[in-house]
Amino acid sequence: KFNKGEQELLEAVIAYAPSMGIRYEPSPLPDEYLP
């Protein structure tokens, strides 16, 4: 759960994780967002 304004940041992690040498398993998305 997080504020919806962070969603783009979360989705961007998939693209930039490899360039940082970090193995990232994509996070599930929220069922509900925090106000």
PDB file of all heavy atoms in Angstrom:
ATOM      1  N   LYS A   1       0.866  -1.179   0.000  1.00  0.00           N
ATOM      2  CA  LYS A   1       0.000   0.000   0.000  1.00  0.00           C
ATOM      3  C   LYS A   1       0.900   1.225   0.000  1.00  0.00           C
ATOM      4  O   LYS A   1       1.841   1.326   0.792  1.00  0.00           O
ATOM      5  CB  LYS A   1      -0.914   0.028   1.232  1.00  0.00           C
ATOM      6  CG  LYS A   1      -1.917  -1.119   1.311  1.00  0.00           C
ATOM      7  CD  LYS A   1      -2.778  -0.990   2.571  1.00  0.00           C
ATOM      8  CE  LYS A   1      -3.595  -2.240   2.842  1.00  0.00           C
ATOM      9  NZ  LYS A   1      -4.624  -2.501   1.842  1.00  0.00           N
ATOM     10  N   PHE A   2       0.625   2.151  -0.914  1.00  0.00           N
ATOM     11  CA  PHE A   2       1.348   3.425  -0.991  1.00  0.00           C
ATOM     12  C   PHE A   2       0.446   4.420  -1.693  1.00  0.00           C
ATOM     13  O   PHE A   2      -0.642   4.074  -2.150  1.00  0.00           O
ATOM     14  CB  PHE A   2       2.699   3.259  -1.725  1.00  0.00           C
ATOM     15  CG  PHE A   2       2.621   2.558  -3.064  1.00  0.00           C
ATOM     16  CD1 PHE A   2       2.196   3.239  -4.203  1.00  0.00           C
ATOM     17  CD2 PHE A   2       2.980   1.227  -3.186  1.00  0.00           C
ATOM     18  CE1 PHE A   2       2.134   2.602  -5.435  1.00  0.00           C
ATOM     19  CE2 PHE A   2       2.916   0.570  -4.419  1.00  0.00           C
ATOM     20  CZ  PHE A   2       2.492   1.266  -5.548  1.00  0.00           C
ATOM     21  N   ASN A   3       0.867   5.659  -1.781  1.00  0.00           N
ATOM     22  CA  ASN A   3       0.057   6.657  -2.478  1.00  0.00           C
ATOM     23  C   ASN A   3       0.194   6.457  -3.989  1.00  0.00           C
ATOM     24  O   ASN A   3       1.285   6.184  -4.499  1.00  0.00           O
ATOM     25  CB  ASN A   3       0.492   8.064  -2.077  1.00  0.00           C
ATOM     26  CG  ASN A   3      -0.412   9.125  -2.697  1.00  0.00           C
ATOM     27  OD1 ASN A   3      -0.187   9.553  -3.815  1.00  0.00           O
ATOM     28  ND2 ASN A   3      -1.440   9.540  -1.973  1.00  0.00           N
ATOM     29  N   LYS A   4      -0.905   6.624  -4.689  1.00  0.00           N
ATOM     30  CA  LYS A   4      -0.934   6.339  -6.136  1.00  0.00           C
ATOM     31  C   LYS A   4       0.084   7.160  -6.913  1.00  0.00           C
ATOM     32  O   LYS A   4       0.549   6.738  -7.984  1.00  0.00           O
ATOM     33  CB  LYS A   4      -2.347   6.585  -6.683  1.00  0.00           C
ATOM     34  CG  LYS A   4      -2.558   6.012  -8.071  1.00  0.00           C
ATOM     35  CD  LYS A   4      -4.020   6.056  -8.467  1.00  0.00           C
ATOM     36  CE  LYS A   4      -4.234   5.617  -9.898  1.00  0.00           C
ATOM     37  NZ  LYS A   4      -3.990   4.253 -10.211  1.00  0.00           N
ATOM     38  N   GLY A   5       0.479   8.308  -6.373  1.00  0.00           N
ATOM     39  CA  GLY A   5       1.467   9.142  -7.047  1.00  0.00           C
ATOM     40  C   GLY A   5       2.847   8.516  -7.133  1.00  0.00           C
ATOM     41  O   GLY A   5       3.734   9.040  -7.825  1.00  0.00           O
ATOM     42  N   GLU A   6       3.047   7.392  -6.447  1.00  0.00           N
ATOM     43  CA  GLU A   6       4.331   6.676  -6.496  1.00  0.00           C
ATOM     44  C   GLU A   6       4.335   5.534  -7.522  1.00  0.00           C
ATOM     45  O   GLU A   6       5.377   4.920  -7.758  1.00  0.00           O
ATOM     46  CB  GLU A   6       4.665   6.092  -5.118  1.00  0.00           C
ATOM     47  CG  GLU A   6       4.968   7.130  -4.057  1.00  0.00           C
ATOM     48  CD  GLU A   6       6.324   7.797  -4.274  1.00  0.00           C
ATOM     49  OE1 GLU A   6       7.324   7.085  -4.474  1.00  0.00           O
ATOM     50  OE2 GLU A   6       6.377   9.041  -4.248  1.00  0.00           O
ATOM     51  N   GLN A   7       3.187   5.286  -8.140  1.00  0.00           N
ATOM     52  CA  GLN A   7       3.070   4.115  -9.016  1.00  0.00           C
ATOM     53  C   GLN A   7       4.075   4.148 -10.173  1.00  0.00           C
ATOM     54  O   GLN A   7       4.697   3.142 -10.503  1.00  0.00           O
ATOM     55  CB  GLN A   7       1.654   4.032  -9.585  1.00  0.00           C
ATOM     56  CG  GLN A   7       1.476   2.911 -10.588  1.00  0.00           C
ATOM     57  CD  GLN A   7       0.615   1.799 -10.070  1.00  0.00           C
ATOM     58  OE1 GLN A   7       0.059   1.876  -8.985  1.00  0.00           O
ATOM     59  NE2 GLN A   7       0.520   0.746 -10.831  1.00  0.00           N
ATOM     60  N   GLU A   8       4.252   5.310 -10.808  1.00  0.00           N
ATOM     61  CA  GLU A   8       5.198   5.400 -11.923  1.00  0.00           C
ATOM     62  C   GLU A   8       6.615   5.069 -11.472  1.00  0.00           C
ATOM     63  O   GLU A   8       7.374   4.428 -12.203  1.00  0.00           O
ATOM     64  CB  GLU A   8       5.164   6.799 -12.551  1.00  0.00           C
ATOM     65  CG  GLU A   8       4.025   7.006 -13.515  1.00  0.00           C
ATOM     66  CD  GLU A   8       4.112   8.350 -14.216  1.00  0.00           C
ATOM     67  OE1 GLU A   8       5.217   8.794 -14.561  1.00  0.00           O
ATOM     68  OE2 GLU A   8       3.047   8.964 -14.419  1.00  0.00           O
ATOM     69  N   LEU A   9       6.977   5.525 -10.275  1.00  0.00           N
ATOM     70  CA  LEU A   9       8.308   5.198  -9.742  1.00  0.00           C
ATOM     71  C   LEU A   9       8.469   3.694  -9.608  1.00  0.00           C
ATOM     72  O   LEU A   9       9.519   3.136  -9.942  1.00  0.00           O
ATOM     73  CB  LEU A   9       8.507   5.831  -8.361  1.00  0.00           C
ATOM     74  CG  LEU A   9       8.955   7.271  -8.227  1.00  0.00           C
ATOM     75  CD1 LEU A   9       9.372   7.537  -6.797  1.00  0.00           C
ATOM     76  CD2 LEU A   9      10.080   7.602  -9.178  1.00  0.00           C
ATOM     77  N   LEU A  10       7.440   3.025  -9.094  1.00  0.00           N
ATOM     78  CA  LEU A  10       7.511   1.581  -8.908  1.00  0.00           C
ATOM     79  C   LEU A  10       7.670   0.880 -10.251  1.00  0.00           C
ATOM     80  O   LEU A  10       8.494  -0.028 -10.400  1.00  0.00           O
ATOM     81  CB  LEU A  10       6.257   1.070  -8.193  1.00  0.00           C
ATOM     82  CG  LEU A  10       6.263  -0.426  -7.878  1.00  0.00           C
ATOM     83  CD1 LEU A  10       7.320  -0.737  -6.824  1.00  0.00           C
ATOM     84  CD2 LEU A  10       4.900  -0.899  -7.418  1.00  0.00           C
ATOM     85  N   GLU A  11       6.887   1.307 -11.230  1.00  0.00           N
ATOM     86  CA  GLU A  11       6.953   0.660 -12.543  1.00  0.00           C
ATOM     87  C   GLU A  11       8.304   0.895 -13.214  1.00  0.00           C
ATOM     88  O   GLU A  11       8.777   0.055 -13.986  1.00  0.00           O
ATOM     89  CB  GLU A  11       5.794   1.151 -13.414  1.00  0.00           C
ATOM     90  CG  GLU A  11       4.438   0.655 -12.889  1.00  0.00           C
ATOM     91  CD  GLU A  11       3.248   1.313 -13.556  1.00  0.00           C
ATOM     92  OE1 GLU A  11       3.448   2.271 -14.338  1.00  0.00           O
ATOM     93  OE2 GLU A  11       2.109   0.864 -13.297  1.00  0.00           O
ATOM     94  N   ALA A  12       8.955   2.013 -12.911  1.00  0.00           N
ATOM     95  CA  ALA A  12      10.249   2.325 -13.527  1.00  0.00           C
ATOM     96  C   ALA A  12      11.373   1.445 -12.993  1.00  0.00           C
ATOM     97  O   ALA A  12      12.397   1.264 -13.672  1.00  0.00           O
ATOM     98  CB  ALA A  12      10.593   3.802 -13.282  1.00  0.00           C
ATOM     99  N   VAL A  13      11.194   0.889 -11.795  1.00  0.00           N
ATOM    100  CA  VAL A  13      12.267   0.089 -11.186  1.00  0.00           C
ATOM    101  C   VAL A  13      12.644  -1.093 -12.073  1.00  0.00           C
ATOM    102  O   VAL A  13      13.816  -1.458 -12.198  1.00  0.00           O
ATOM    103  CB  VAL A  13      11.850  -0.404  -9.781  1.00  0.00           C
ATOM    104  CG1 VAL A  13      12.900  -1.350  -9.212  1.00  0.00           C
ATOM    105  CG2 VAL A  13      11.652   0.775  -8.839  1.00  0.00           C
ATOM    106  N   ILE A  14      11.649  -1.684 -12.729  1.00  0.00           N
ATOM    107  CA  ILE A  14      11.900  -2.863 -13.567  1.00  0.00           C
ATOM    108  C   ILE A  14      12.953  -2.539 -14.625  1.00  0.00           C
ATOM    109  O   ILE A  14      13.837  -3.352 -14.915  1.00  0.00           O
ATOM    110  CB  ILE A  14      10.587  -3.327 -14.239  1.00  0.00           C
ATOM    111  CG1 ILE A  14       9.579  -3.758 -13.169  1.00  0.00           C
ATOM    112  CG2 ILE A  14      10.857  -4.471 -15.214  1.00  0.00           C
ATOM    113  CD1 ILE A  14       8.187  -4.023 -13.701  1.00  0.00           C
ATOM    114  N   ALA A  15      12.889  -1.346 -15.202  1.00  0.00           N
ATOM    115  CA  ALA A  15      13.807  -0.971 -16.273  1.00  0.00           C
ATOM    116  C   ALA A  15      15.198  -0.635 -15.751  1.00  0.00           C
ATOM    117  O   ALA A  15      16.199  -0.968 -16.386  1.00  0.00           O
ATOM    118  CB  ALA A  15      13.229   0.216 -17.049  1.00  0.00           C
ATOM    119  N   TYR A  16      15.288   0.040 -14.596  1.00  0.00           N
ATOM    120  CA  TYR A  16      16.616   0.516 -14.196  1.00  0.00           C
ATOM    121  C   TYR A  16      17.362  -0.394 -13.228  1.00  0.00           C
ATOM    122  O   TYR A  16      18.564  -0.240 -13.037  1.00  0.00           O
ATOM    123  CB  TYR A  16      16.574   1.963 -13.695  1.00  0.00           C
ATOM    124  CG  TYR A  16      15.962   2.243 -12.341  1.00  0.00           C
ATOM    125  CD1 TYR A  16      16.603   1.875 -11.157  1.00  0.00           C
ATOM    126  CD2 TYR A  16      14.767   2.952 -12.221  1.00  0.00           C
ATOM    127  CE1 TYR A  16      16.058   2.175  -9.913  1.00  0.00           C
ATOM    128  CE2 TYR A  16      14.214   3.250 -10.974  1.00  0.00           C
ATOM    129  CZ  TYR A  16      14.874   2.855  -9.826  1.00  0.00           C
ATOM    130  OH  TYR A  16      14.344   3.157  -8.602  1.00  0.00           O
ATOM    131  N   ALA A  17      16.687  -1.377 -12.649  1.00  0.00           N
ATOM    132  CA  ALA A  17      17.375  -2.272 -11.706  1.00  0.00           C
ATOM    133  C   ALA A  17      18.593  -2.967 -12.326  1.00  0.00           C
ATOM    134  O   ALA A  17      19.665  -2.994 -11.708  1.00  0.00           O
ATOM    135  CB  ALA A  17      16.398  -3.289 -11.132  1.00  0.00           C
ATOM    136  N   PRO A  18      18.469  -3.529 -13.540  1.00  0.00           N
ATOM    137  CA  PRO A  18      19.631  -4.234 -14.101  1.00  0.00           C
ATOM    138  C   PRO A  18      20.859  -3.333 -14.267  1.00  0.00           C
ATOM    139  O   PRO A  18      21.994  -3.774 -14.048  1.00  0.00           O
ATOM    140  CB  PRO A  18      19.125  -4.715 -15.470  1.00  0.00           C
ATOM    141  CG  PRO A  18      17.645  -4.770 -15.334  1.00  0.00           C
ATOM    142  CD  PRO A  18      17.291  -3.646 -14.401  1.00  0.00           C
ATOM    143  N   SER A  19      20.641  -2.079 -14.616  1.00  0.00           N
ATOM    144  CA  SER A  19      21.776  -1.170 -14.812  1.00  0.00           C
ATOM    145  C   SER A  19      22.497  -0.891 -13.496  1.00  0.00           C
ATOM    146  O   SER A  19      23.645  -0.445 -13.480  1.00  0.00           O
ATOM    147  CB  SER A  19      21.304   0.151 -15.433  1.00  0.00           C
ATOM    148  OG  SER A  19      20.504   0.874 -14.517  1.00  0.00           O
ATOM    149  N   MET A  20      21.841  -1.154 -12.378  1.00  0.00           N
ATOM    150  CA  MET A  20      22.452  -0.957 -11.067  1.00  0.00           C
ATOM    151  C   MET A  20      22.994  -2.276 -10.508  1.00  0.00           C
ATOM    152  O   MET A  20      23.455  -2.336  -9.369  1.00  0.00           O
ATOM    153  CB  MET A  20      21.429  -0.342 -10.109  1.00  0.00           C
ATOM    154  CG  MET A  20      20.809   0.927 -10.664  1.00  0.00           C
ATOM    155  SD  MET A  20      19.510   1.588  -9.616  1.00  0.00           S
ATOM    156  CE  MET A  20      20.442   2.782  -8.696  1.00  0.00           C
ATOM    157  N   GLY A  21      22.907  -3.312 -11.318  1.00  0.00           N
ATOM    158  CA  GLY A  21      23.439  -4.600 -10.885  1.00  0.00           C
ATOM    159  C   GLY A  21      22.595  -5.274  -9.827  1.00  0.00           C
ATOM    160  O   GLY A  21      23.082  -6.098  -9.048  1.00  0.00           O
ATOM    161  N   ILE A  22      21.322  -4.923  -9.780  1.00  0.00           N
ATOM    162  CA  ILE A  22      20.439  -5.478  -8.744  1.00  0.00           C
ATOM    163  C   ILE A  22      19.372  -6.353  -9.393  1.00  0.00           C
ATOM    164  O   ILE A  22      18.708  -5.941 -10.347  1.00  0.00           O
ATOM    165  CB  ILE A  22      19.774  -4.347  -7.932  1.00  0.00           C
ATOM    166  CG1 ILE A  22      20.842  -3.596  -7.130  1.00  0.00           C
ATOM    167  CG2 ILE A  22      18.682  -4.887  -7.009  1.00  0.00           C
ATOM    168  CD1 ILE A  22      20.320  -2.411  -6.353  1.00  0.00           C
ATOM    169  N   ARG A  23      19.247  -7.560  -8.857  1.00  0.00           N
ATOM    170  CA  ARG A  23      18.202  -8.460  -9.352  1.00  0.00           C
ATOM    171  C   ARG A  23      16.892  -8.109  -8.644  1.00  0.00           C
ATOM    172  O   ARG A  23      16.792  -8.204  -7.423  1.00  0.00           O
ATOM    173  CB  ARG A  23      18.589  -9.910  -9.054  1.00  0.00           C
ATOM    174  CG  ARG A  23      17.707 -10.936  -9.760  1.00  0.00           C
ATOM    175  CD  ARG A  23      18.221 -12.336  -9.496  1.00  0.00           C
ATOM    176  NE  ARG A  23      18.000 -12.727  -8.114  1.00  0.00           N
ATOM    177  CZ  ARG A  23      16.867 -13.263  -7.658  1.00  0.00           C
ATOM    178  NH1 ARG A  23      15.854 -13.441  -8.476  1.00  0.00           N
ATOM    179  NH2 ARG A  23      16.750 -13.599  -6.384  1.00  0.00           N
ATOM    180  N   TYR A  24      15.928  -7.674  -9.424  1.00  0.00           N
ATOM    181  CA  TYR A  24      14.662  -7.190  -8.857  1.00  0.00           C
ATOM    182  C   TYR A  24      13.507  -8.042  -9.353  1.00  0.00           C
ATOM    183  O   TYR A  24      13.294  -8.171 -10.557  1.00  0.00           O
ATOM    184  CB  TYR A  24      14.460  -5.726  -9.262  1.00  0.00           C
ATOM    185  CG  TYR A  24      13.081  -5.170  -8.937  1.00  0.00           C
ATOM    186  CD1 TYR A  24      12.676  -4.988  -7.613  1.00  0.00           C
ATOM    187  CD2 TYR A  24      12.191  -4.825  -9.953  1.00  0.00           C
ATOM    188  CE1 TYR A  24      11.419  -4.482  -7.319  1.00  0.00           C
ATOM    189  CE2 TYR A  24      10.940  -4.312  -9.662  1.00  0.00           C
ATOM    190  CZ  TYR A  24      10.556  -4.147  -8.346  1.00  0.00           C
ATOM    191  OH  TYR A  24       9.311  -3.640  -8.061  1.00  0.00           O
ATOM    192  N   GLU A  25      12.784  -8.628  -8.415  1.00  0.00           N
ATOM    193  CA  GLU A  25      11.549  -9.319  -8.776  1.00  0.00           C
ATOM    194  C   GLU A  25      10.406  -8.321  -8.659  1.00  0.00           C
ATOM    195  O   GLU A  25      10.169  -7.769  -7.580  1.00  0.00           O
ATOM    196  CB  GLU A  25      11.320 -10.502  -7.844  1.00  0.00           C
ATOM    197  CG  GLU A  25      12.320 -11.623  -8.045  1.00  0.00           C
ATOM    198  CD  GLU A  25      11.871 -12.887  -7.327  1.00  0.00           C
ATOM    199  OE1 GLU A  25      10.692 -13.272  -7.470  1.00  0.00           O
ATOM    200  OE2 GLU A  25      12.700 -13.460  -6.613  1.00  0.00           O
ATOM    201  N   PRO A  26       9.717  -8.066  -9.770  1.00  0.00           N
ATOM    202  CA  PRO A  26       8.718  -6.990  -9.765  1.00  0.00           C
ATOM    203  C   PRO A  26       7.694  -7.112  -8.636  1.00  0.00           C
ATOM    204  O   PRO A  26       7.171  -8.198  -8.371  1.00  0.00           O
ATOM    205  CB  PRO A  26       8.055  -7.121 -11.140  1.00  0.00           C
ATOM    206  CG  PRO A  26       9.130  -7.710 -11.998  1.00  0.00           C
ATOM    207  CD  PRO A  26       9.878  -8.661 -11.106  1.00  0.00           C
ATOM    208  N   SER A  27       7.453  -5.994  -8.007  1.00  0.00           N
ATOM    209  CA  SER A  27       6.478  -5.929  -6.922  1.00  0.00           C
ATOM    210  C   SER A  27       5.066  -6.089  -7.461  1.00  0.00           C
ATOM    211  O   SER A  27       4.746  -5.602  -8.543  1.00  0.00           O
ATOM    212  CB  SER A  27       6.596  -4.561  -6.231  1.00  0.00           C
ATOM    213  OG  SER A  27       5.481  -4.320  -5.386  1.00  0.00           O
ATOM    214  N   PRO A  28       4.193  -6.758  -6.699  1.00  0.00           N
ATOM    215  CA  PRO A  28       2.772  -6.695  -7.049  1.00  0.00           C
ATOM    216  C   PRO A  28       2.271  -5.264  -6.886  1.00  0.00           C
ATOM    217  O   PRO A  28       2.886  -4.459  -6.184  1.00  0.00           O
ATOM    218  CB  PRO A  28       2.103  -7.631  -6.043  1.00  0.00           C
ATOM    219  CG  PRO A  28       3.066  -7.753  -4.912  1.00  0.00           C
ATOM    220  CD  PRO A  28       4.434  -7.526  -5.466  1.00  0.00           C
ATOM    221  N   LEU A  29       1.182  -4.967  -7.557  1.00  0.00           N
ATOM    222  CA  LEU A  29       0.579  -3.636  -7.440  1.00  0.00           C
ATOM    223  C   LEU A  29      -0.469  -3.655  -6.328  1.00  0.00           C
ATOM    224  O   LEU A  29      -1.016  -4.709  -5.988  1.00  0.00           O
ATOM    225  CB  LEU A  29      -0.063  -3.225  -8.764  1.00  0.00           C
ATOM    226  CG  LEU A  29       0.918  -3.070  -9.930  1.00  0.00           C
ATOM    227  CD1 LEU A  29       0.177  -2.719 -11.219  1.00  0.00           C
ATOM    228  CD2 LEU A  29       1.974  -2.028  -9.619  1.00  0.00           C
ATOM    229  N   PRO A  30      -0.740  -2.495  -5.756  1.00  0.00           N
ATOM    230  CA  PRO A  30      -1.724  -2.439  -4.663  1.00  0.00           C
ATOM    231  C   PRO A  30      -3.135  -2.802  -5.106  1.00  0.00           C
ATOM    232  O   PRO A  30      -3.511  -2.574  -6.259  1.00  0.00           O
ATOM    233  CB  PRO A  30      -1.676  -0.964  -4.220  1.00  0.00           C
ATOM    234  CG  PRO A  30      -0.367  -0.451  -4.719  1.00  0.00           C
ATOM    235  CD  PRO A  30      -0.094  -1.189  -5.986  1.00  0.00           C
ATOM    236  N   ASP A  31      -3.880  -3.381  -4.189  1.00  0.00           N
ATOM    237  CA  ASP A  31      -5.326  -3.510  -4.379  1.00  0.00           C
ATOM    238  C   ASP A  31      -5.995  -2.191  -4.028  1.00  0.00           C
ATOM    239  O   ASP A  31      -7.039  -1.845  -4.576  1.00  0.00           O
ATOM    240  CB  ASP A  31      -5.897  -4.617  -3.493  1.00  0.00           C
ATOM    241  CG  ASP A  31      -5.637  -6.004  -4.065  1.00  0.00           C
ATOM    242  OD1 ASP A  31      -5.486  -6.121  -5.297  1.00  0.00           O
ATOM    243  OD2 ASP A  31      -5.556  -6.962  -3.285  1.00  0.00           O
ATOM    244  N   GLU A  32      -5.385  -1.480  -3.081  1.00  0.00           N
ATOM    245  CA  GLU A  32      -5.893  -0.154  -2.721  1.00  0.00           C
ATOM    246  C   GLU A  32      -4.717   0.755  -2.406  1.00  0.00           C
ATOM    247  O   GLU A  32      -3.689   0.304  -1.910  1.00  0.00           O
ATOM    248  CB  GLU A  32      -6.863  -0.239  -1.533  1.00  0.00           C
ATOM    249  CG  GLU A  32      -6.264  -0.852  -0.290  1.00  0.00           C
ATOM    250  CD  GLU A  32      -7.228  -0.779   0.894  1.00  0.00           C
ATOM    251  OE1 GLU A  32      -7.863   0.263   1.074  1.00  0.00           O
ATOM    252  OE2 GLU A  32      -7.306  -1.767   1.647  1.00  0.00           O
ATOM    253  N   TYR A  33      -4.910   2.021  -2.727  1.00  0.00           N
ATOM    254  CA  TYR A  33      -3.857   3.008  -2.512  1.00  0.00           C
ATOM    255  C   TYR A  33      -4.137   3.783  -1.226  1.00  0.00           C
ATOM    256  O   TYR A  33      -5.277   3.849  -0.760  1.00  0.00           O
ATOM    257  CB  TYR A  33      -3.772   3.971  -3.703  1.00  0.00           C
ATOM    258  CG  TYR A  33      -3.353   3.282  -4.971  1.00  0.00           C
ATOM    259  CD1 TYR A  33      -4.299   2.751  -5.837  1.00  0.00           C
ATOM    260  CD2 TYR A  33      -2.004   3.139  -5.292  1.00  0.00           C
ATOM    261  CE1 TYR A  33      -3.912   2.098  -7.001  1.00  0.00           C
ATOM    262  CE2 TYR A  33      -1.608   2.494  -6.450  1.00  0.00           C
ATOM    263  CZ  TYR A  33      -2.572   1.974  -7.299  1.00  0.00           C
ATOM    264  OH  TYR A  33      -2.176   1.323  -8.442  1.00  0.00           O
ATOM    265  N   LEU A  34      -3.090   4.362  -0.669  1.00  0.00           N
ATOM    266  CA  LEU A  34      -3.249   5.160   0.540  1.00  0.00           C
ATOM    267  C   LEU A  34      -3.538   6.607   0.164  1.00  0.00           C
ATOM    268  O   LEU A  34      -2.908   7.156  -0.757  1.00  0.00           O
ATOM    269  CB  LEU A  34      -1.972   5.101   1.384  1.00  0.00           C
ATOM    270  CG  LEU A  34      -1.609   3.722   1.938  1.00  0.00           C
ATOM    271  CD1 LEU A  34      -0.255   3.789   2.639  1.00  0.00           C
ATOM    272  CD2 LEU A  34      -2.679   3.210   2.889  1.00  0.00           C
ATOM    273  N   PRO A  35      -4.452   7.258   0.871  1.00  0.00           N
ATOM    274  CA  PRO A  35      -4.726   8.672   0.612  1.00  0.00           C
ATOM    275  C   PRO A  35      -3.609   9.555   1.164  1.00  0.00           C
ATOM    276  O   PRO A  35      -2.666   9.066   1.795  1.00  0.00           O
ATOM    277  CB  PRO A  35      -6.038   8.912   1.361  1.00  0.00           C
ATOM    278  CG  PRO A  35      -6.011   7.922   2.480  1.00  0.00           C
ATOM    279  CD  PRO A  35      -5.294   6.717   1.955  1.00  0.00           C
TER     280      PRO A  35
END
